[in-house]
PDB file of N, CA and C in Angstrom:
ATOM      1  N   UNK A   1     191.850  19.299 189.379  1.00  0.00           N
ATOM      2  CA  UNK A   1     191.301  20.575 189.001  1.00  0.00           C
ATOM      3  C   UNK A   1     192.142  21.675 189.644  1.00  0.00           C
ATOM      4  N   UNK A   2     191.911  22.879 189.198  1.00  0.00           N
ATOM      5  CA  UNK A   2     192.666  24.050 189.662  1.00  0.00           C
ATOM      6  C   UNK A   2     194.138  23.955 189.322  1.00  0.00           C
ATOM      7  N   UNK A   3     194.450  23.210 188.274  1.00  0.00           N
ATOM      8  CA  UNK A   3     195.843  23.067 187.853  1.00  0.00           C
ATOM      9  C   UNK A   3     196.071  23.664 186.470  1.00  0.00           C
ATOM     10  N   UNK A   4     195.024  24.177 185.846  1.00  0.00           N
ATOM     11  CA  UNK A   4     195.160  24.757 184.523  1.00  0.00           C
ATOM     12  C   UNK A   4     195.185  23.733 183.405  1.00  0.00           C
ATOM     13  N   UNK A   5     194.853  22.526 183.742  1.00  0.00           N
ATOM     14  CA  UNK A   5     194.887  21.459 182.724  1.00  0.00           C
ATOM     15  C   UNK A   5     193.496  21.240 182.157  1.00  0.00           C
ATOM     16  N   UNK A   6     193.077  20.012 181.953  1.00  0.00           N
ATOM     17  CA  UNK A   6     191.799  19.722 181.305  1.00  0.00           C
ATOM     18  C   UNK A   6     190.647  20.401 182.039  1.00  0.00           C
ATOM     19  N   UNK A   7     189.807  21.076 181.275  1.00  0.00           N
ATOM     20  CA  UNK A   7     188.659  21.800 181.813  1.00  0.00           C
ATOM     21  C   UNK A   7     187.766  20.851 182.615  1.00  0.00           C
ATOM     22  N   UNK A   8     187.352  21.299 183.787  1.00  0.00           N
ATOM     23  CA  UNK A   8     186.485  20.494 184.641  1.00  0.00           C
ATOM     24  C   UNK A   8     185.137  20.211 184.003  1.00  0.00           C
ATOM     25  N   UNK A   9     184.634  21.148 183.211  1.00  0.00           N
ATOM     26  CA  UNK A   9     183.348  20.920 182.527  1.00  0.00           C
ATOM     27  C   UNK A   9     183.480  19.776 181.526  1.00  0.00           C
ATOM     28  N   UNK A  10     184.608  19.703 180.859  1.00  0.00           N
ATOM     29  CA  UNK A  10     184.851  18.607 179.923  1.00  0.00           C
ATOM     30  C   UNK A  10     185.027  17.292 180.678  1.00  0.00           C
ATOM     31  N   UNK A  11     185.792  17.319 181.749  1.00  0.00           N
ATOM     32  CA  UNK A  11     186.027  16.117 182.536  1.00  0.00           C
ATOM     33  C   UNK A  11     184.712  15.537 183.050  1.00  0.00           C
ATOM     34  N   UNK A  12     183.869  16.404 183.609  1.00  0.00           N
ATOM     35  CA  UNK A  12     182.569  15.957 184.111  1.00  0.00           C
ATOM     36  C   UNK A  12     181.692  15.397 183.006  1.00  0.00           C
ATOM     37  N   UNK A  13     181.705  16.068 181.862  1.00  0.00           N
ATOM     38  CA  UNK A  13     180.897  15.602 180.735  1.00  0.00           C
ATOM     39  C   UNK A  13     181.368  14.230 180.242  1.00  0.00           C
ATOM     40  N   UNK A  14     182.662  14.017 180.233  1.00  0.00           N
ATOM     41  CA  UNK A  14     183.174  12.718 179.795  1.00  0.00           C
ATOM     42  C   UNK A  14     182.781  11.609 180.773  1.00  0.00           C
ATOM     43  N   UNK A  15     182.675  11.947 182.047  1.00  0.00           N
ATOM     44  CA  UNK A  15     182.202  10.947 183.014  1.00  0.00           C
ATOM     45  C   UNK A  15     180.745  10.585 182.727  1.00  0.00           C
ATOM     46  N   UNK A  16     179.923  11.593 182.450  1.00  0.00           N
ATOM     47  CA  UNK A  16     178.520  11.338 182.114  1.00  0.00           C
ATOM     48  C   UNK A  16     178.434  10.522 180.826  1.00  0.00           C
ATOM     49  N   UNK A  17     179.240  10.880 179.852  1.00  0.00           N
ATOM     50  CA  UNK A  17     179.265  10.145 178.589  1.00  0.00           C
ATOM     51  C   UNK A  17     179.628   8.678 178.836  1.00  0.00           C
ATOM     52  N   UNK A  18     180.592   8.453 179.692  1.00  0.00           N
ATOM     53  CA  UNK A  18     180.979   7.090 180.031  1.00  0.00           C
ATOM     54  C   UNK A  18     179.857   6.319 180.688  1.00  0.00           C
ATOM     55  N   UNK A  19     179.104   6.997 181.545  1.00  0.00           N
ATOM     56  CA  UNK A  19     177.956   6.336 182.175  1.00  0.00           C
ATOM     57  C   UNK A  19     176.877   6.003 181.152  1.00  0.00           C
ATOM     58  N   UNK A  20     176.696   6.898 180.190  1.00  0.00           N
ATOM     59  CA  UNK A  20     175.663   6.685 179.177  1.00  0.00           C
ATOM     60  C   UNK A  20     176.033   5.662 178.124  1.00  0.00           C
ATOM     61  N   UNK A  21     177.301   5.620 177.766  1.00  0.00           N
ATOM     62  CA  UNK A  21     177.740   4.754 176.669  1.00  0.00           C
ATOM     63  C   UNK A  21     178.772   3.725 177.093  1.00  0.00           C
ATOM     64  N   UNK A  22     179.111   3.729 178.363  1.00  0.00           N
ATOM     65  CA  UNK A  22     180.145   2.813 178.836  1.00  0.00           C
ATOM     66  C   UNK A  22     179.770   1.359 178.625  1.00  0.00           C
ATOM     67  N   UNK A  23     180.634   0.519 179.030  1.00  0.00           N
ATOM     68  CA  UNK A  23     180.418  -0.907 178.810  1.00  0.00           C
ATOM     69  C   UNK A  23     180.705  -1.676 180.087  1.00  0.00           C
ATOM     70  N   UNK A  24     179.984  -2.778 180.240  1.00  0.00           N
ATOM     71  CA  UNK A  24     180.217  -3.609 181.418  1.00  0.00           C
ATOM     72  C   UNK A  24     181.019  -4.855 181.059  1.00  0.00           C
ATOM     73  N   UNK A  25     181.032  -5.158 179.809  1.00  0.00           N
ATOM     74  CA  UNK A  25     181.827  -6.285 179.331  1.00  0.00           C
ATOM     75  C   UNK A  25     183.118  -5.737 178.729  1.00  0.00           C
ATOM     76  N   UNK A  26     184.201  -6.346 179.036  1.00  0.00           N
ATOM     77  CA  UNK A  26     185.499  -5.863 178.574  1.00  0.00           C
ATOM     78  C   UNK A  26     185.818  -6.374 177.171  1.00  0.00           C
ATOM     79  N   UNK A  27     184.909  -6.107 176.243  1.00  0.00           N
ATOM     80  CA  UNK A  27     185.192  -6.534 174.878  1.00  0.00           C
ATOM     81  C   UNK A  27     185.752  -5.360 174.073  1.00  0.00           C
ATOM     82  N   UNK A  28     186.536  -5.669 173.099  1.00  0.00           N
ATOM     83  CA  UNK A  28     187.257  -4.660 172.318  1.00  0.00           C
ATOM     84  C   UNK A  28     186.326  -3.719 171.568  1.00  0.00           C
ATOM     85  N   UNK A  29     185.208  -4.222 171.032  1.00  0.00           N
ATOM     86  CA  UNK A  29     184.287  -3.390 170.262  1.00  0.00           C
ATOM     87  C   UNK A  29     183.643  -2.320 171.152  1.00  0.00           C
ATOM     88  N   UNK A  30     183.199  -2.691 172.345  1.00  0.00           N
ATOM     89  CA  UNK A  30     182.598  -1.728 173.269  1.00  0.00           C
ATOM     90  C   UNK A  30     183.606  -0.663 173.664  1.00  0.00           C
ATOM     91  N   UNK A  31     184.815  -1.086 173.943  1.00  0.00           N
ATOM     92  CA  UNK A  31     185.879  -0.144 174.321  1.00  0.00           C
ATOM     93  C   UNK A  31     186.171   0.811 173.169  1.00  0.00           C
ATOM     94  N   UNK A  32     186.217   0.298 171.974  1.00  0.00           N
ATOM     95  CA  UNK A  32     186.495   1.125 170.801  1.00  0.00           C
ATOM     96  C   UNK A  32     185.387   2.165 170.601  1.00  0.00           C
ATOM     97  N   UNK A  33     184.129   1.775 170.791  1.00  0.00           N
ATOM     98  CA  UNK A  33     183.015   2.702 170.595  1.00  0.00           C
ATOM     99  C   UNK A  33     183.071   3.876 171.576  1.00  0.00           C
ATOM    100  N   UNK A  34     183.318   3.594 172.850  1.00  0.00           N
ATOM    101  CA  UNK A  34     183.373   4.690 173.821  1.00  0.00           C
ATOM    102  C   UNK A  34     184.601   5.563 173.577  1.00  0.00           C
ATOM    103  N   UNK A  35     185.697   4.974 173.149  1.00  0.00           N
ATOM    104  CA  UNK A  35     186.881   5.772 172.827  1.00  0.00           C
ATOM    105  C   UNK A  35     186.604   6.711 171.663  1.00  0.00           C
ATOM    106  N   UNK A  36     185.895   6.228 170.651  1.00  0.00           N
ATOM    107  CA  UNK A  36     185.548   7.066 169.499  1.00  0.00           C
ATOM    108  C   UNK A  36     184.629   8.209 169.919  1.00  0.00           C
ATOM    109  N   UNK A  37     183.625   7.898 170.734  1.00  0.00           N
ATOM    110  CA  UNK A  37     182.716   8.942 171.213  1.00  0.00           C
ATOM    111  C   UNK A  37     183.465   9.974 172.060  1.00  0.00           C
ATOM    112  N   UNK A  38     184.372   9.505 172.884  1.00  0.00           N
ATOM    113  CA  UNK A  38     185.153  10.412 173.731  1.00  0.00           C
ATOM    114  C   UNK A  38     186.004  11.347 172.882  1.00  0.00           C
ATOM    115  N   UNK A  39     186.664  10.813 171.874  1.00  0.00           N
ATOM    116  CA  UNK A  39     187.493  11.642 170.991  1.00  0.00           C
ATOM    117  C   UNK A  39     186.644  12.653 170.238  1.00  0.00           C
ATOM    118  N   UNK A  40     185.491  12.216 169.733  1.00  0.00           N
ATOM    119  CA  UNK A  40     184.606  13.108 168.992  1.00  0.00           C
ATOM    120  C   UNK A  40     184.046  14.203 169.911  1.00  0.00           C
ATOM    121  N   UNK A  41     183.616  13.808 171.107  1.00  0.00           N
ATOM    122  CA  UNK A  41     183.084  14.769 172.065  1.00  0.00           C
ATOM    123  C   UNK A  41     184.141  15.818 172.412  1.00  0.00           C
ATOM    124  N   UNK A  42     185.348  15.370 172.674  1.00  0.00           N
ATOM    125  CA  UNK A  42     186.440  16.274 173.032  1.00  0.00           C
ATOM    126  C   UNK A  42     186.746  17.238 171.888  1.00  0.00           C
ATOM    127  N   UNK A  43     186.735  16.745 170.669  1.00  0.00           N
ATOM    128  CA  UNK A  43     186.970  17.607 169.503  1.00  0.00           C
ATOM    129  C   UNK A  43     185.871  18.658 169.372  1.00  0.00           C
ATOM    130  N   UNK A  44     184.622  18.262 169.603  1.00  0.00           N
ATOM    131  CA  UNK A  44     183.516  19.217 169.534  1.00  0.00           C
ATOM    132  C   UNK A  44     183.587  20.244 170.664  1.00  0.00           C
ATOM    133  N   UNK A  45     183.975  19.814 171.848  1.00  0.00           N
ATOM    134  CA  UNK A  45     184.167  20.746 172.969  1.00  0.00           C
ATOM    135  C   UNK A  45     185.224  21.782 172.583  1.00  0.00           C
ATOM    136  N   UNK A  46     186.276  21.330 171.951  1.00  0.00           N
ATOM    137  CA  UNK A  46     187.359  22.228 171.540  1.00  0.00           C
ATOM    138  C   UNK A  46     186.876  23.242 170.504  1.00  0.00           C
ATOM    139  N   UNK A  47     185.998  22.827 169.618  1.00  0.00           N
ATOM    140  CA  UNK A  47     185.428  23.745 168.626  1.00  0.00           C
ATOM    141  C   UNK A  47     184.648  24.856 169.338  1.00  0.00           C
ATOM    142  N   UNK A  48     183.834  24.485 170.311  1.00  0.00           N
ATOM    143  CA  UNK A  48     183.036  25.458 171.062  1.00  0.00           C
ATOM    144  C   UNK A  48     183.904  26.413 171.870  1.00  0.00           C
ATOM    145  N   UNK A  49     184.959  25.888 172.504  1.00  0.00           N
ATOM    146  CA  UNK A  49     185.690  26.645 173.511  1.00  0.00           C
ATOM    147  C   UNK A  49     187.117  27.018 173.139  1.00  0.00           C
ATOM    148  N   UNK A  50     187.593  26.561 172.002  1.00  0.00           N
ATOM    149  CA  UNK A  50     188.928  26.922 171.535  1.00  0.00           C
ATOM    150  C   UNK A  50     190.039  26.041 172.070  1.00  0.00           C
ATOM    151  N   UNK A  51     189.762  25.298 173.110  1.00  0.00           N
ATOM    152  CA  UNK A  51     190.762  24.426 173.722  1.00  0.00           C
ATOM    153  C   UNK A  51     190.061  23.493 174.695  1.00  0.00           C
ATOM    154  N   UNK A  52     190.789  22.502 175.154  1.00  0.00           N
ATOM    155  CA  UNK A  52     190.300  21.643 176.232  1.00  0.00           C
ATOM    156  C   UNK A  52     191.017  21.983 177.534  1.00  0.00           C
ATOM    157  N   UNK A  53     192.019  22.841 177.449  1.00  0.00           N
ATOM    158  CA  UNK A  53     192.854  23.183 178.599  1.00  0.00           C
ATOM    159  C   UNK A  53     192.378  24.472 179.265  1.00  0.00           C
ATOM    160  N   UNK A  54     192.186  24.401 180.567  1.00  0.00           N
ATOM    161  CA  UNK A  54     191.726  25.558 181.341  1.00  0.00           C
ATOM    162  C   UNK A  54     192.622  26.768 181.120  1.00  0.00           C
ATOM    163  N   UNK A  55     193.923  26.575 181.190  1.00  0.00           N
ATOM    164  CA  UNK A  55     194.831  27.727 181.069  1.00  0.00           C
ATOM    165  C   UNK A  55     194.677  28.425 179.723  1.00  0.00           C
ATOM    166  N   UNK A  56     194.336  27.686 178.686  1.00  0.00           N
ATOM    167  CA  UNK A  56     194.114  28.294 177.372  1.00  0.00           C
ATOM    168  C   UNK A  56     192.757  28.980 177.298  1.00  0.00           C
ATOM    169  N   UNK A  57     191.749  28.363 177.872  1.00  0.00           N
ATOM    170  CA  UNK A  57     190.397  28.934 177.857  1.00  0.00           C
ATOM    171  C   UNK A  57     190.355  30.219 178.685  1.00  0.00           C
ATOM    172  N   UNK A  58     190.936  30.176 179.867  1.00  0.00           N
ATOM    173  CA  UNK A  58     190.956  31.348 180.757  1.00  0.00           C
ATOM    174  C   UNK A  58     191.946  32.399 180.251  1.00  0.00           C
ATOM    175  N   UNK A  59     193.020  31.934 179.623  1.00  0.00           N
ATOM    176  CA  UNK A  59     194.003  32.859 179.073  1.00  0.00           C
ATOM    177  C   UNK A  59     195.196  33.096 179.975  1.00  0.00           C
ATOM    178  N   UNK A  60     195.322  32.312 181.021  1.00  0.00           N
ATOM    179  CA  UNK A  60     196.493  32.387 181.895  1.00  0.00           C
ATOM    180  C   UNK A  60     196.596  31.093 182.685  1.00  0.00           C
ATOM    181  N   UNK A  61     197.770  30.835 183.176  1.00  0.00           N
ATOM    182  CA  UNK A  61     198.034  29.588 183.898  1.00  0.00           C
ATOM    183  C   UNK A  61     197.537  29.718 185.334  1.00  0.00           C
ATOM    184  N   UNK A  62     196.324  29.254 185.569  1.00  0.00           N
ATOM    185  CA  UNK A  62     195.682  29.420 186.878  1.00  0.00           C
ATOM    186  C   UNK A  62     196.240  28.475 187.940  1.00  0.00           C
ATOM    187  N   UNK A  63     197.209  27.652 187.575  1.00  0.00           N
ATOM    188  CA  UNK A  63     197.859  26.819 188.584  1.00  0.00           C
ATOM    189  C   UNK A  63     198.840  27.656 189.417  1.00  0.00           C
ATOM    190  N   UNK A  64     199.179  28.821 188.903  1.00  0.00           N
ATOM    191  CA  UNK A  64     200.077  29.732 189.617  1.00  0.00           C
ATOM    192  C   UNK A  64     199.232  30.712 190.429  1.00  0.00           C
ATOM    193  N   UNK A  65     199.492  30.816 191.727  1.00  0.00           N
ATOM    194  CA  UNK A  65     198.648  31.637 192.606  1.00  0.00           C
ATOM    195  C   UNK A  65     198.434  33.076 192.140  1.00  0.00           C
ATOM    196  N   UNK A  66     199.464  33.746 191.670  1.00  0.00           N
ATOM    197  CA  UNK A  66     199.305  35.141 191.234  1.00  0.00           C
ATOM    198  C   UNK A  66     198.415  35.241 189.994  1.00  0.00           C
ATOM    199  N   UNK A  67     198.610  34.308 189.072  1.00  0.00           N
ATOM    200  CA  UNK A  67     197.773  34.301 187.861  1.00  0.00           C
ATOM    201  C   UNK A  67     196.330  33.975 188.224  1.00  0.00           C
ATOM    202  N   UNK A  68     196.134  33.047 189.141  1.00  0.00           N
ATOM    203  CA  UNK A  68     194.786  32.693 189.586  1.00  0.00           C
ATOM    204  C   UNK A  68     194.101  33.904 190.221  1.00  0.00           C
ATOM    205  N   UNK A  69     194.816  34.614 191.077  1.00  0.00           N
ATOM    206  CA  UNK A  69     194.265  35.820 191.707  1.00  0.00           C
ATOM    207  C   UNK A  69     193.887  36.859 190.652  1.00  0.00           C
ATOM    208  N   UNK A  70     194.742  37.012 189.657  1.00  0.00           N
ATOM    209  CA  UNK A  70     194.468  37.971 188.578  1.00  0.00           C
ATOM    210  C   UNK A  70     193.226  37.553 187.791  1.00  0.00           C
ATOM    211  N   UNK A  71     193.102  36.261 187.505  1.00  0.00           N
ATOM    212  CA  UNK A  71     191.930  35.761 186.780  1.00  0.00           C
ATOM    213  C   UNK A  71     190.658  36.007 187.588  1.00  0.00           C
ATOM    214  N   UNK A  72     190.742  35.827 188.895  1.00  0.00           N
ATOM    215  CA  UNK A  72     189.588  36.081 189.760  1.00  0.00           C
ATOM    216  C   UNK A  72     189.239  37.567 189.730  1.00  0.00           C
ATOM    217  N   UNK A  73     190.236  38.429 189.881  1.00  0.00           N
ATOM    218  CA  UNK A  73     190.001  39.888 189.858  1.00  0.00           C
ATOM    219  C   UNK A  73     189.368  40.332 188.547  1.00  0.00           C
ATOM    220  N   UNK A  74     189.802  39.740 187.450  1.00  0.00           N
ATOM    221  CA  UNK A  74     189.282  40.117 186.133  1.00  0.00           C
ATOM    222  C   UNK A  74     187.934  39.463 185.832  1.00  0.00           C
ATOM    223  N   UNK A  75     187.477  38.557 186.704  1.00  0.00           N
ATOM    224  CA  UNK A  75     186.193  37.885 186.481  1.00  0.00           C
ATOM    225  C   UNK A  75     186.230  36.859 185.358  1.00  0.00           C
ATOM    226  N   UNK A  76     187.411  36.346 185.074  1.00  0.00           N
ATOM    227  CA  UNK A  76     187.540  35.416 183.943  1.00  0.00           C
ATOM    228  C   UNK A  76     186.813  34.096 184.172  1.00  0.00           C
ATOM    229  N   UNK A  77     186.813  33.623 185.402  1.00  0.00           N
ATOM    230  CA  UNK A  77     186.103  32.371 185.683  1.00  0.00           C
ATOM    231  C   UNK A  77     184.601  32.555 185.481  1.00  0.00           C
ATOM    232  N   UNK A  78     184.084  33.692 185.918  1.00  0.00           N
ATOM    233  CA  UNK A  78     182.654  33.967 185.754  1.00  0.00           C
ATOM    234  C   UNK A  78     182.264  34.160 184.292  1.00  0.00           C
ATOM    235  N   UNK A  79     183.212  34.626 183.483  1.00  0.00           N
ATOM    236  CA  UNK A  79     182.938  34.843 182.058  1.00  0.00           C
ATOM    237  C   UNK A  79     183.095  33.561 181.247  1.00  0.00           C
ATOM    238  N   UNK A  80     184.138  32.797 181.523  1.00  0.00           N
ATOM    239  CA  UNK A  80     184.499  31.662 180.668  1.00  0.00           C
ATOM    240  C   UNK A  80     183.872  30.336 181.105  1.00  0.00           C
ATOM    241  N   UNK A  81     183.883  30.063 182.398  1.00  0.00           N
ATOM    242  CA  UNK A  81     183.439  28.744 182.877  1.00  0.00           C
ATOM    243  C   UNK A  81     181.981  28.425 182.534  1.00  0.00           C
ATOM    244  N   UNK A  82     181.040  29.372 182.712  1.00  0.00           N
ATOM    245  CA  UNK A  82     179.660  29.050 182.344  1.00  0.00           C
ATOM    246  C   UNK A  82     179.505  28.668 180.867  1.00  0.00           C
ATOM    247  N   UNK A  83     180.320  29.250 180.004  1.00  0.00           N
ATOM    248  CA  UNK A  83     180.257  28.894 178.584  1.00  0.00           C
ATOM    249  C   UNK A  83     180.731  27.467 178.356  1.00  0.00           C
ATOM    250  N   UNK A  84     181.760  27.067 179.084  1.00  0.00           N
ATOM    251  CA  UNK A  84     182.261  25.683 178.977  1.00  0.00           C
ATOM    252  C   UNK A  84     181.227  24.702 179.495  1.00  0.00           C
ATOM    253  N   UNK A  85     180.597  25.047 180.597  1.00  0.00           N
ATOM    254  CA  UNK A  85     179.561  24.185 181.168  1.00  0.00           C
ATOM    255  C   UNK A  85     178.383  24.078 180.212  1.00  0.00           C
ATOM    256  N   UNK A  86     177.949  25.205 179.672  1.00  0.00           N
ATOM    257  CA  UNK A  86     176.815  25.205 178.745  1.00  0.00           C
ATOM    258  C   UNK A  86     177.114  24.384 177.491  1.00  0.00           C
ATOM    259  N   UNK A  87     178.314  24.528 176.949  1.00  0.00           N
ATOM    260  CA  UNK A  87     178.641  23.756 175.737  1.00  0.00           C
ATOM    261  C   UNK A  87     178.703  22.265 176.059  1.00  0.00           C
ATOM    262  N   UNK A  88     179.185  21.921 177.240  1.00  0.00           N
ATOM    263  CA  UNK A  88     179.218  20.512 177.642  1.00  0.00           C
ATOM    264  C   UNK A  88     177.805  19.942 177.741  1.00  0.00           C
ATOM    265  N   UNK A  89     176.904  20.727 178.323  1.00  0.00           N
ATOM    266  CA  UNK A  89     175.514  20.278 178.452  1.00  0.00           C
ATOM    267  C   UNK A  89     174.868  20.103 177.086  1.00  0.00           C
ATOM    268  N   UNK A  90     175.069  21.075 176.205  1.00  0.00           N
ATOM    269  CA  UNK A  90     174.489  20.967 174.858  1.00  0.00           C
ATOM    270  C   UNK A  90     175.020  19.736 174.121  1.00  0.00           C
ATOM    271  N   UNK A  91     176.314  19.523 174.211  1.00  0.00           N
ATOM    272  CA  UNK A  91     176.897  18.357 173.552  1.00  0.00           C
ATOM    273  C   UNK A  91     176.390  17.056 174.173  1.00  0.00           C
ATOM    274  N   UNK A  92     176.306  17.016 175.490  1.00  0.00           N
ATOM    275  CA  UNK A  92     175.802  15.815 176.157  1.00  0.00           C
ATOM    276  C   UNK A  92     174.370  15.509 175.737  1.00  0.00           C
ATOM    277  N   UNK A  93     173.539  16.533 175.670  1.00  0.00           N
ATOM    278  CA  UNK A  93     172.154  16.317 175.222  1.00  0.00           C
ATOM    279  C   UNK A  93     172.135  15.678 173.843  1.00  0.00           C
ATOM    280  N   UNK A  94     172.937  16.205 172.947  1.00  0.00           N
ATOM    281  CA  UNK A  94     173.013  15.670 171.580  1.00  0.00           C
ATOM    282  C   UNK A  94     173.466  14.208 171.589  1.00  0.00           C
ATOM    283  N   UNK A  95     174.513  13.927 172.322  1.00  0.00           N
ATOM    284  CA  UNK A  95     175.073  12.576 172.363  1.00  0.00           C
ATOM    285  C   UNK A  95     174.125  11.583 173.035  1.00  0.00           C
ATOM    286  N   UNK A  96     173.520  12.005 174.123  1.00  0.00           N
ATOM    287  CA  UNK A  96     172.633  11.086 174.846  1.00  0.00           C
ATOM    288  C   UNK A  96     171.325  10.863 174.088  1.00  0.00           C
ATOM    289  N   UNK A  97     170.849  11.854 173.348  1.00  0.00           N
ATOM    290  CA  UNK A  97     169.662  11.673 172.514  1.00  0.00           C
ATOM    291  C   UNK A  97     169.959  10.676 171.392  1.00  0.00           C
ATOM    292  N   UNK A  98     171.166  10.705 170.867  1.00  0.00           N
ATOM    293  CA  UNK A  98     171.523   9.804 169.765  1.00  0.00           C
ATOM    294  C   UNK A  98     171.657   8.358 170.234  1.00  0.00           C
ATOM    295  N   UNK A  99     171.711   8.166 171.538  1.00  0.00           N
ATOM    296  CA  UNK A  99     171.857   6.810 172.079  1.00  0.00           C
ATOM    297  C   UNK A  99     170.609   5.990 171.838  1.00  0.00           C
ATOM    298  N   UNK A 100     169.467   6.659 171.912  1.00  0.00           N
ATOM    299  CA  UNK A 100     168.183   5.956 171.824  1.00  0.00           C
ATOM    300  C   UNK A 100     167.847   5.430 170.498  1.00  0.00           C
TER     301      UNK A 100
END
């Protein structure tokens, strides 16, 4: 995290998704199902947020100290991150409800 790469809200959501739909047996069908759900979830996250990459969502490369400071001054994390978290939660609710 803090490298401007994959959004932390997405990363956390994918971990929860893995816990909900993961597999304990190393069979190909189980692996394929979680991979499909992961790809679909990631695509839906991108629809909500425009990207899966922090630097694109925030609008600057926050891995660079000056850009990170500028993003903090402009309040970009406070504006953008809660939306990413909220969309992850909404998507997770949908996915986990469909499990039952």
